[in-house]
Amino acid sequence: MISIPDNITTHKRRILGPLGRFVLKISNWEIKGEIPKYKRMVLVGVPHTAMRDAWYGLLAVLALDLKVNFFGAKWIFTRLPSPVTFSKNLDKLGIPWPLGWLQKRLLMRLGGIPVYRTEAKGHIRSAIEEFSKLEKFILVLTPEGGTYVVSQFRSGFYYIAKDMNIPYVPVEIDFKNRSFNIQEPHFVTGTFEEESIKLEELFQGVEGATRTFTMLKEKE
């Protein structure tokens, strides 16, 4: 298991920490690279091709005893995933179940931030305002926005990193080699399109759970 710098936000978990390390080990997953020595950063995970990405990502966070925040569609906090869509309301996808309240409580305690897709945009600006008040944080984002194929990354990682002058750290979700590969940190130096291309080149060819990542412009 990789070491964690002293200035990184952590949360020692007596049960979930060892459990996360154990499940990753028997699942033959590993974490490669180094966590940068920055008090505030954005981890950018790609490719995000299936809901089980979140499962293994959670195990990695628990295994490292990291304290993180992450955005998630509102329905994920109270409902179970479903291959069939029962509602056209983007905040009511999935299947409701009796323990939805417990699911929400657990995800919120793990750092989850619900995103209401049916409301007006502006949550990134609100997030910047709130995170600016914190001395230390690690925000985990998947710039594809969901598990479906997209033509471009969402801009959240760019504006948060740019406006707060903090690094974004690419993390490969590599199902072929069953590993999370932490890359070198990057600071925003160009436009959103330029930073997106930089990320695309880093993730080119990484095999996700259901498909291999390819340059987004090649999909158009």
C-alpha atoms as a PDB file:
ATOM      1  CA  MET A   1       0.000   0.000   0.000  1.00  0.00           C
ATOM      2  CA  ILE A   2       1.314   3.458  -0.904  1.00  0.00           C
ATOM      3  CA  SER A   3       2.272   5.932   1.807  1.00  0.00           C
ATOM      4  CA  ILE A   4       0.242   9.066   2.557  1.00  0.00           C
ATOM      5  CA  PRO A   5       1.966  12.451   3.116  1.00  0.00           C
ATOM      6  CA  ASP A   6       1.487  13.932   6.597  1.00  0.00           C
ATOM      7  CA  ASN A   7      -0.274  17.042   5.313  1.00  0.00           C
ATOM      8  CA  ILE A   8      -3.014  15.091   3.490  1.00  0.00           C
ATOM      9  CA  THR A   9      -6.540  14.911   4.891  1.00  0.00           C
ATOM     10  CA  THR A  10      -7.036  11.436   6.361  1.00  0.00           C
ATOM     11  CA  HIS A  11      -9.575   9.643   8.507  1.00  0.00           C
ATOM     12  CA  LYS A  12      -8.390   6.593  10.431  1.00  0.00           C
ATOM     13  CA  ARG A  13     -11.009   3.855  10.172  1.00  0.00           C
ATOM     14  CA  ARG A  14     -10.538   0.958  12.578  1.00  0.00           C
ATOM     15  CA  ILE A  15     -12.913  -1.379  10.757  1.00  0.00           C
ATOM     16  CA  LEU A  16     -13.518  -0.024   7.256  1.00  0.00           C
ATOM     17  CA  GLY A  17      -9.816   0.693   6.637  1.00  0.00           C
ATOM     18  CA  PRO A  18      -8.599  -2.889   7.175  1.00  0.00           C
ATOM     19  CA  LEU A  19     -11.719  -4.181   5.410  1.00  0.00           C
ATOM     20  CA  GLY A  20     -11.008  -2.040   2.355  1.00  0.00           C
ATOM     21  CA  ARG A  21      -7.393  -3.249   2.209  1.00  0.00           C
ATOM     22  CA  PHE A  22      -8.495  -6.865   2.585  1.00  0.00           C
ATOM     23  CA  VAL A  23     -11.154  -6.726  -0.141  1.00  0.00           C
ATOM     24  CA  LEU A  24      -8.792  -4.958  -2.562  1.00  0.00           C
ATOM     25  CA  LYS A  25      -6.171  -7.621  -1.924  1.00  0.00           C
ATOM     26  CA  ILE A  26      -8.450 -10.609  -2.508  1.00  0.00           C
ATOM     27  CA  SER A  27      -9.857  -8.827  -5.581  1.00  0.00           C
ATOM     28  CA  ASN A  28      -6.294  -8.451  -6.936  1.00  0.00           C
ATOM     29  CA  TRP A  29      -6.600  -4.677  -7.127  1.00  0.00           C
ATOM     30  CA  GLU A  30      -3.732  -2.369  -6.234  1.00  0.00           C
ATOM     31  CA  ILE A  31      -2.985   1.339  -5.991  1.00  0.00           C
ATOM     32  CA  LYS A  32       0.102   2.596  -7.823  1.00  0.00           C
ATOM     33  CA  GLY A  33       1.885   5.941  -7.770  1.00  0.00           C
ATOM     34  CA  GLU A  34       2.071   8.590  -5.084  1.00  0.00           C
ATOM     35  CA  ILE A  35      -0.393  10.953  -3.451  1.00  0.00           C
ATOM     36  CA  PRO A  36       1.004  14.477  -4.095  1.00  0.00           C
ATOM     37  CA  LYS A  37       1.999  16.581  -1.090  1.00  0.00           C
ATOM     38  CA  TYR A  38      -0.689  19.218  -1.565  1.00  0.00           C
ATOM     39  CA  LYS A  39      -3.244  20.123   1.085  1.00  0.00           C
ATOM     40  CA  ARG A  40      -5.910  20.798  -1.535  1.00  0.00           C
ATOM     41  CA  MET A  41      -6.338  18.927  -4.812  1.00  0.00           C
ATOM     42  CA  VAL A  42      -8.780  17.424  -7.299  1.00  0.00           C
ATOM     43  CA  LEU A  43      -8.434  13.737  -8.204  1.00  0.00           C
ATOM     44  CA  VAL A  44      -9.679  13.116 -11.765  1.00  0.00           C
ATOM     45  CA  GLY A  45     -10.649   9.489 -12.428  1.00  0.00           C
ATOM     46  CA  VAL A  46     -10.979   8.113 -15.985  1.00  0.00           C
ATOM     47  CA  PRO A  47     -12.419   6.046 -17.594  1.00  0.00           C
ATOM     48  CA  HIS A  48     -15.721   5.821 -15.738  1.00  0.00           C
ATOM     49  CA  THR A  49     -17.617   3.094 -17.603  1.00  0.00           C
ATOM     50  CA  ALA A  50     -19.659   1.213 -14.965  1.00  0.00           C
ATOM     51  CA  MET A  51     -21.140   1.669 -11.518  1.00  0.00           C
ATOM     52  CA  ARG A  52     -18.595  -0.786 -10.097  1.00  0.00           C
ATOM     53  CA  ASP A  53     -15.943   1.873 -10.680  1.00  0.00           C
ATOM     54  CA  ALA A  54     -17.426   3.634  -7.662  1.00  0.00           C
ATOM     55  CA  TRP A  55     -17.284   0.404  -5.619  1.00  0.00           C
ATOM     56  CA  TYR A  56     -13.576  -0.127  -6.230  1.00  0.00           C
ATOM     57  CA  GLY A  57     -12.933   3.588  -5.813  1.00  0.00           C
ATOM     58  CA  LEU A  58     -14.614   3.496  -2.412  1.00  0.00           C
ATOM     59  CA  LEU A  59     -12.467   0.514  -1.409  1.00  0.00           C
ATOM     60  CA  ALA A  60      -9.344   2.445  -2.436  1.00  0.00           C
ATOM     61  CA  VAL A  61     -10.366   5.460  -0.356  1.00  0.00           C
ATOM     62  CA  LEU A  62     -11.063   3.250   2.658  1.00  0.00           C
ATOM     63  CA  ALA A  63      -7.846   1.296   2.176  1.00  0.00           C
ATOM     64  CA  LEU A  64      -5.792   4.501   2.188  1.00  0.00           C
ATOM     65  CA  ASP A  65      -7.757   6.029   5.088  1.00  0.00           C
ATOM     66  CA  LEU A  66      -8.317   9.119   2.948  1.00  0.00           C
ATOM     67  CA  LYS A  67     -10.953  11.717   3.705  1.00  0.00           C
ATOM     68  CA  VAL A  68     -12.461  12.813   0.405  1.00  0.00           C
ATOM     69  CA  ASN A  69     -15.450  14.576  -1.097  1.00  0.00           C
ATOM     70  CA  PHE A  70     -17.227  13.553  -4.283  1.00  0.00           C
ATOM     71  CA  PHE A  71     -20.193  14.660  -6.366  1.00  0.00           C
ATOM     72  CA  GLY A  72     -22.962  12.205  -7.154  1.00  0.00           C
ATOM     73  CA  ALA A  73     -26.369  12.348  -8.817  1.00  0.00           C
ATOM     74  CA  LYS A  74     -29.088  12.787  -6.192  1.00  0.00           C
ATOM     75  CA  TRP A  75     -30.683   9.403  -6.925  1.00  0.00           C
ATOM     76  CA  ILE A  76     -27.462   7.539  -6.145  1.00  0.00           C
ATOM     77  CA  PHE A  77     -27.777   8.583  -2.503  1.00  0.00           C
ATOM     78  CA  THR A  78     -31.150   6.897  -1.906  1.00  0.00           C
ATOM     79  CA  ARG A  79     -31.814   4.463  -4.763  1.00  0.00           C
ATOM     80  CA  LEU A  80     -30.391   1.265  -6.211  1.00  0.00           C
ATOM     81  CA  PRO A  81     -28.962   1.177  -9.758  1.00  0.00           C
ATOM     82  CA  SER A  82     -31.242  -0.290 -12.416  1.00  0.00           C
ATOM     83  CA  PRO A  83     -30.642  -1.185 -16.093  1.00  0.00           C
ATOM     84  CA  VAL A  84     -34.208  -0.036 -16.797  1.00  0.00           C
ATOM     85  CA  THR A  85     -35.264   3.618 -16.580  1.00  0.00           C
ATOM     86  CA  PHE A  86     -38.594   4.095 -14.818  1.00  0.00           C
ATOM     87  CA  SER A  87     -38.651   7.896 -14.712  1.00  0.00           C
ATOM     88  CA  LYS A  88     -37.735  10.730 -17.042  1.00  0.00           C
ATOM     89  CA  ASN A  89     -36.781  12.802 -14.004  1.00  0.00           C
ATOM     90  CA  LEU A  90     -32.976  12.652 -13.802  1.00  0.00           C
ATOM     91  CA  ASP A  91     -33.139  12.933 -10.014  1.00  0.00           C
ATOM     92  CA  LYS A  92     -35.415   9.893  -9.716  1.00  0.00           C
ATOM     93  CA  LEU A  93     -33.541   7.227 -11.646  1.00  0.00           C
ATOM     94  CA  GLY A  94     -32.847   3.832 -10.115  1.00  0.00           C
ATOM     95  CA  ILE A  95     -35.082   1.846  -7.792  1.00  0.00           C
ATOM     96  CA  PRO A  96     -36.254   3.183  -4.408  1.00  0.00           C
ATOM     97  CA  TRP A  97     -35.855   0.825  -1.460  1.00  0.00           C
ATOM     98  CA  PRO A  98     -36.572   0.849   2.306  1.00  0.00           C
ATOM     99  CA  LEU A  99     -32.965   1.439   3.337  1.00  0.00           C
ATOM    100  CA  GLY A 100     -32.487   4.474   1.122  1.00  0.00           C
ATOM    101  CA  TRP A 101     -32.210   6.683   4.220  1.00  0.00           C
ATOM    102  CA  LEU A 102     -29.303   4.577   5.496  1.00  0.00           C
ATOM    103  CA  GLN A 103     -27.635   4.618   2.090  1.00  0.00           C
ATOM    104  CA  LYS A 104     -27.823   8.420   2.047  1.00  0.00           C
ATOM    105  CA  ARG A 105     -26.438   8.707   5.564  1.00  0.00           C
ATOM    106  CA  LEU A 106     -23.473   6.464   4.762  1.00  0.00           C
ATOM    107  CA  LEU A 107     -22.622   8.230   1.490  1.00  0.00           C
ATOM    108  CA  MET A 108     -22.872  11.656   3.113  1.00  0.00           C
ATOM    109  CA  ARG A 109     -20.547  10.529   5.916  1.00  0.00           C
ATOM    110  CA  LEU A 110     -18.102   9.294   3.290  1.00  0.00           C
ATOM    111  CA  GLY A 111     -18.004  12.789   1.771  1.00  0.00           C
ATOM    112  CA  GLY A 112     -20.751  12.610  -0.817  1.00  0.00           C
ATOM    113  CA  ILE A 113     -22.276  15.805  -2.220  1.00  0.00           C
ATOM    114  CA  PRO A 114     -25.648  15.278  -3.994  1.00  0.00           C
ATOM    115  CA  VAL A 115     -26.076  17.016  -7.340  1.00  0.00           C
ATOM    116  CA  TYR A 116     -29.610  17.847  -8.455  1.00  0.00           C
ATOM    117  CA  ARG A 117     -29.604  17.498 -12.233  1.00  0.00           C
ATOM    118  CA  THR A 118     -33.056  19.031 -12.696  1.00  0.00           C
ATOM    119  CA  GLU A 119     -32.081  22.298 -11.021  1.00  0.00           C
ATOM    120  CA  ALA A 120     -30.320  25.217 -12.618  1.00  0.00           C
ATOM    121  CA  LYS A 121     -26.601  24.902 -13.089  1.00  0.00           C
ATOM    122  CA  GLY A 122     -24.251  26.578 -10.664  1.00  0.00           C
ATOM    123  CA  HIS A 123     -23.165  23.841  -8.283  1.00  0.00           C
ATOM    124  CA  ILE A 124     -19.530  24.167  -9.374  1.00  0.00           C
ATOM    125  CA  ARG A 125     -19.491  27.855  -8.418  1.00  0.00           C
ATOM    126  CA  SER A 126     -21.123  26.983  -5.102  1.00  0.00           C
ATOM    127  CA  ALA A 127     -18.579  24.214  -4.560  1.00  0.00           C
ATOM    128  CA  ILE A 128     -15.691  26.612  -5.185  1.00  0.00           C
ATOM    129  CA  GLU A 129     -17.091  29.016  -2.613  1.00  0.00           C
ATOM    130  CA  GLU A 130     -17.462  26.254  -0.004  1.00  0.00           C
ATOM    131  CA  PHE A 131     -14.146  24.517  -0.646  1.00  0.00           C
ATOM    132  CA  SER A 132     -12.336  27.857  -0.543  1.00  0.00           C
ATOM    133  CA  LYS A 133     -13.168  27.954   3.163  1.00  0.00           C
ATOM    134  CA  LEU A 134     -11.313  24.696   3.829  1.00  0.00           C
ATOM    135  CA  GLU A 135      -7.618  24.468   4.612  1.00  0.00           C
ATOM    136  CA  LYS A 136      -7.375  20.876   3.343  1.00  0.00           C
ATOM    137  CA  PHE A 137      -9.496  18.710   1.065  1.00  0.00           C
ATOM    138  CA  ILE A 138      -9.386  16.065  -1.656  1.00  0.00           C
ATOM    139  CA  LEU A 139     -12.198  16.265  -4.198  1.00  0.00           C
ATOM    140  CA  VAL A 140     -12.753  13.230  -6.445  1.00  0.00           C
ATOM    141  CA  LEU A 141     -14.312  13.848  -9.873  1.00  0.00           C
ATOM    142  CA  THR A 142     -15.083  11.768 -12.947  1.00  0.00           C
ATOM    143  CA  PRO A 143     -15.044  14.322 -15.798  1.00  0.00           C
ATOM    144  CA  GLU A 144     -17.043  12.054 -18.109  1.00  0.00           C
ATOM    145  CA  GLY A 145     -19.977  12.793 -15.823  1.00  0.00           C
ATOM    146  CA  GLY A 146     -21.443   9.294 -16.045  1.00  0.00           C
ATOM    147  CA  THR A 147     -20.829   5.804 -17.382  1.00  0.00           C
ATOM    148  CA  TYR A 148     -21.993   6.560 -20.921  1.00  0.00           C
ATOM    149  CA  VAL A 149     -19.825   7.608 -23.872  1.00  0.00           C
ATOM    150  CA  VAL A 150     -19.409  11.393 -24.116  1.00  0.00           C
ATOM    151  CA  SER A 151     -17.979  13.746 -26.728  1.00  0.00           C
ATOM    152  CA  GLN A 152     -16.194  15.981 -24.228  1.00  0.00           C
ATOM    153  CA  PHE A 153     -15.250  16.154 -20.558  1.00  0.00           C
ATOM    154  CA  ARG A 154     -17.303  18.195 -18.137  1.00  0.00           C
ATOM    155  CA  SER A 155     -15.573  21.380 -17.078  1.00  0.00           C
ATOM    156  CA  GLY A 156     -15.871  21.072 -13.290  1.00  0.00           C
ATOM    157  CA  PHE A 157     -12.310  19.856 -12.706  1.00  0.00           C
ATOM    158  CA  TYR A 158     -10.965  22.721 -14.804  1.00  0.00           C
ATOM    159  CA  TYR A 159     -12.771  25.598 -13.100  1.00  0.00           C
ATOM    160  CA  ILE A 160     -12.229  24.289  -9.588  1.00  0.00           C
ATOM    161  CA  ALA A 161      -8.502  23.788 -10.188  1.00  0.00           C
ATOM    162  CA  LYS A 162      -8.135  27.074 -12.071  1.00  0.00           C
ATOM    163  CA  ASP A 163     -10.141  29.361  -9.797  1.00  0.00           C
ATOM    164  CA  MET A 164      -8.621  27.929  -6.618  1.00  0.00           C
ATOM    165  CA  ASN A 165      -5.103  27.588  -8.077  1.00  0.00           C
ATOM    166  CA  ILE A 166      -4.834  23.977  -6.962  1.00  0.00           C
ATOM    167  CA  PRO A 167      -3.590  20.893  -8.848  1.00  0.00           C
ATOM    168  CA  TYR A 168      -5.712  18.273 -10.535  1.00  0.00           C
ATOM    169  CA  VAL A 169      -4.320  14.746 -10.347  1.00  0.00           C
ATOM    170  CA  PRO A 170      -5.183  12.223 -13.100  1.00  0.00           C
ATOM    171  CA  VAL A 171      -6.000   8.718 -11.826  1.00  0.00           C
ATOM    172  CA  GLU A 172      -6.345   5.816 -14.258  1.00  0.00           C
ATOM    173  CA  ILE A 173      -9.141   3.361 -13.447  1.00  0.00           C
ATOM    174  CA  ASP A 174      -7.364   0.446 -15.125  1.00  0.00           C
ATOM    175  CA  PHE A 175      -9.484  -2.709 -15.177  1.00  0.00           C
ATOM    176  CA  LYS A 176      -7.084  -4.621 -17.438  1.00  0.00           C
ATOM    177  CA  ASN A 177      -4.342  -4.486 -14.797  1.00  0.00           C
ATOM    178  CA  ARG A 178      -6.800  -4.069 -11.913  1.00  0.00           C
ATOM    179  CA  SER A 179      -5.134  -0.964 -10.580  1.00  0.00           C
ATOM    180  CA  PHE A 180      -5.617   2.707  -9.791  1.00  0.00           C
ATOM    181  CA  ASN A 181      -2.640   4.533 -11.305  1.00  0.00           C
ATOM    182  CA  ILE A 182      -2.016   7.941  -9.744  1.00  0.00           C
ATOM    183  CA  GLN A 183      -0.268  10.283 -12.183  1.00  0.00           C
ATOM    184  CA  GLU A 184       1.740  13.452 -11.612  1.00  0.00           C
ATOM    185  CA  PRO A 185      -0.237  16.553 -10.542  1.00  0.00           C
ATOM    186  CA  HIS A 186      -1.021  19.278 -13.072  1.00  0.00           C
ATOM    187  CA  PHE A 187      -1.818  22.957 -12.646  1.00  0.00           C
ATOM    188  CA  VAL A 188      -4.071  24.698 -15.140  1.00  0.00           C
ATOM    189  CA  THR A 189      -1.979  26.602 -17.668  1.00  0.00           C
ATOM    190  CA  GLY A 190      -4.296  26.761 -20.653  1.00  0.00           C
ATOM    191  CA  THR A 191      -7.890  26.817 -21.806  1.00  0.00           C
ATOM    192  CA  PHE A 192     -10.433  24.165 -20.915  1.00  0.00           C
ATOM    193  CA  GLU A 193      -9.990  22.583 -24.327  1.00  0.00           C
ATOM    194  CA  GLU A 194      -6.199  22.479 -23.939  1.00  0.00           C
ATOM    195  CA  GLU A 195      -6.378  20.920 -20.476  1.00  0.00           C
ATOM    196  CA  SER A 196      -8.958  18.405 -21.707  1.00  0.00           C
ATOM    197  CA  ILE A 197      -6.707  17.309 -24.561  1.00  0.00           C
ATOM    198  CA  LYS A 198      -3.844  16.941 -22.087  1.00  0.00           C
ATOM    199  CA  LEU A 199      -6.017  14.611 -19.989  1.00  0.00           C
ATOM    200  CA  GLU A 200      -7.267  12.668 -22.979  1.00  0.00           C
ATOM    201  CA  GLU A 201      -3.720  11.926 -24.070  1.00  0.00           C
ATOM    202  CA  LEU A 202      -2.843  10.659 -20.585  1.00  0.00           C
ATOM    203  CA  PHE A 203      -5.824   8.290 -20.481  1.00  0.00           C
ATOM    204  CA  GLN A 204      -5.620   7.112 -24.095  1.00  0.00           C
ATOM    205  CA  GLY A 205      -5.865   3.315 -24.267  1.00  0.00           C
ATOM    206  CA  VAL A 206      -6.737   2.722 -20.604  1.00  0.00           C
ATOM    207  CA  GLU A 207      -9.164  -0.214 -20.390  1.00  0.00           C
ATOM    208  CA  GLY A 208     -12.192   0.458 -18.226  1.00  0.00           C
ATOM    209  CA  ALA A 209     -14.774  -2.022 -16.975  1.00  0.00           C
ATOM    210  CA  THR A 210     -16.775  -2.043 -20.205  1.00  0.00           C
ATOM    211  CA  ARG A 211     -14.728  -0.151 -22.794  1.00  0.00           C
ATOM    212  CA  THR A 212     -11.307   1.284 -23.592  1.00  0.00           C
ATOM    213  CA  PHE A 213     -10.839   5.041 -23.369  1.00  0.00           C
ATOM    214  CA  THR A 214     -10.069   6.754 -26.668  1.00  0.00           C
ATOM    215  CA  MET A 215      -9.589  10.393 -27.555  1.00  0.00           C
ATOM    216  CA  LEU A 216     -12.972  12.097 -27.340  1.00  0.00           C
ATOM    217  CA  LYS A 217     -12.653  13.852 -30.703  1.00  0.00           C
ATOM    218  CA  GLU A 218     -12.216  10.442 -32.337  1.00  0.00           C
ATOM    219  CA  LYS A 219     -15.723   9.529 -31.126  1.00  0.00           C
ATOM    220  CA  GLU A 220     -17.447  12.425 -32.856  1.00  0.00           C
END
